[in-house]
């Protein structure tokens, strides 16, 4: 399984170092976390960062601690690179992004989709105490299945088929 990650999308979610989400320190901290994740899970990991405004004239690629890092070339967005990679890998990849256009294109290519907040939770606790992962907490008395229509038949405790399928896909991560 090949994991393709929208770098700045995940960085904006996991927090910043020094208040700047696009700083070198923040990118390095994210790459350390991803290298640790790769070591734990054994998936090939590719992180794509935007370089469309200030980037080089050609696409930049480098490897850091087993994580492939791609900087898009000037004039090309990271979303376009992710869509191209998801078309290349097809069903053998998973795309981590919260951008709906990227998720739609990757799903059309057969890739498993994971939103950035979901992956941030799977990534584990942050390396520094300055970074925080935002998440919604359920009230103690709130039942997640309570919003069920009264005319619906079947086991009320069983998740819908689409959610069960997604759960099976995400178990690999």
Foldseek 3Di string as FASTA:
>chain_A
DEEEEAQLQLLVQQDADPPDSPDPVSSVQVVVLVLVVCVVQVHQAEYEYEPQDPAAQCWDWDDDNRHIYIYHHHNDGSLVVLLVVLLVCQLNYEYEDPDPVSVVSSVVSNHHYDYSLRVSVVSDDGPDPRTDHDDDDDDPPDDPLPVDDPPDDDDSVDDDPVVVVSVVVVVSD
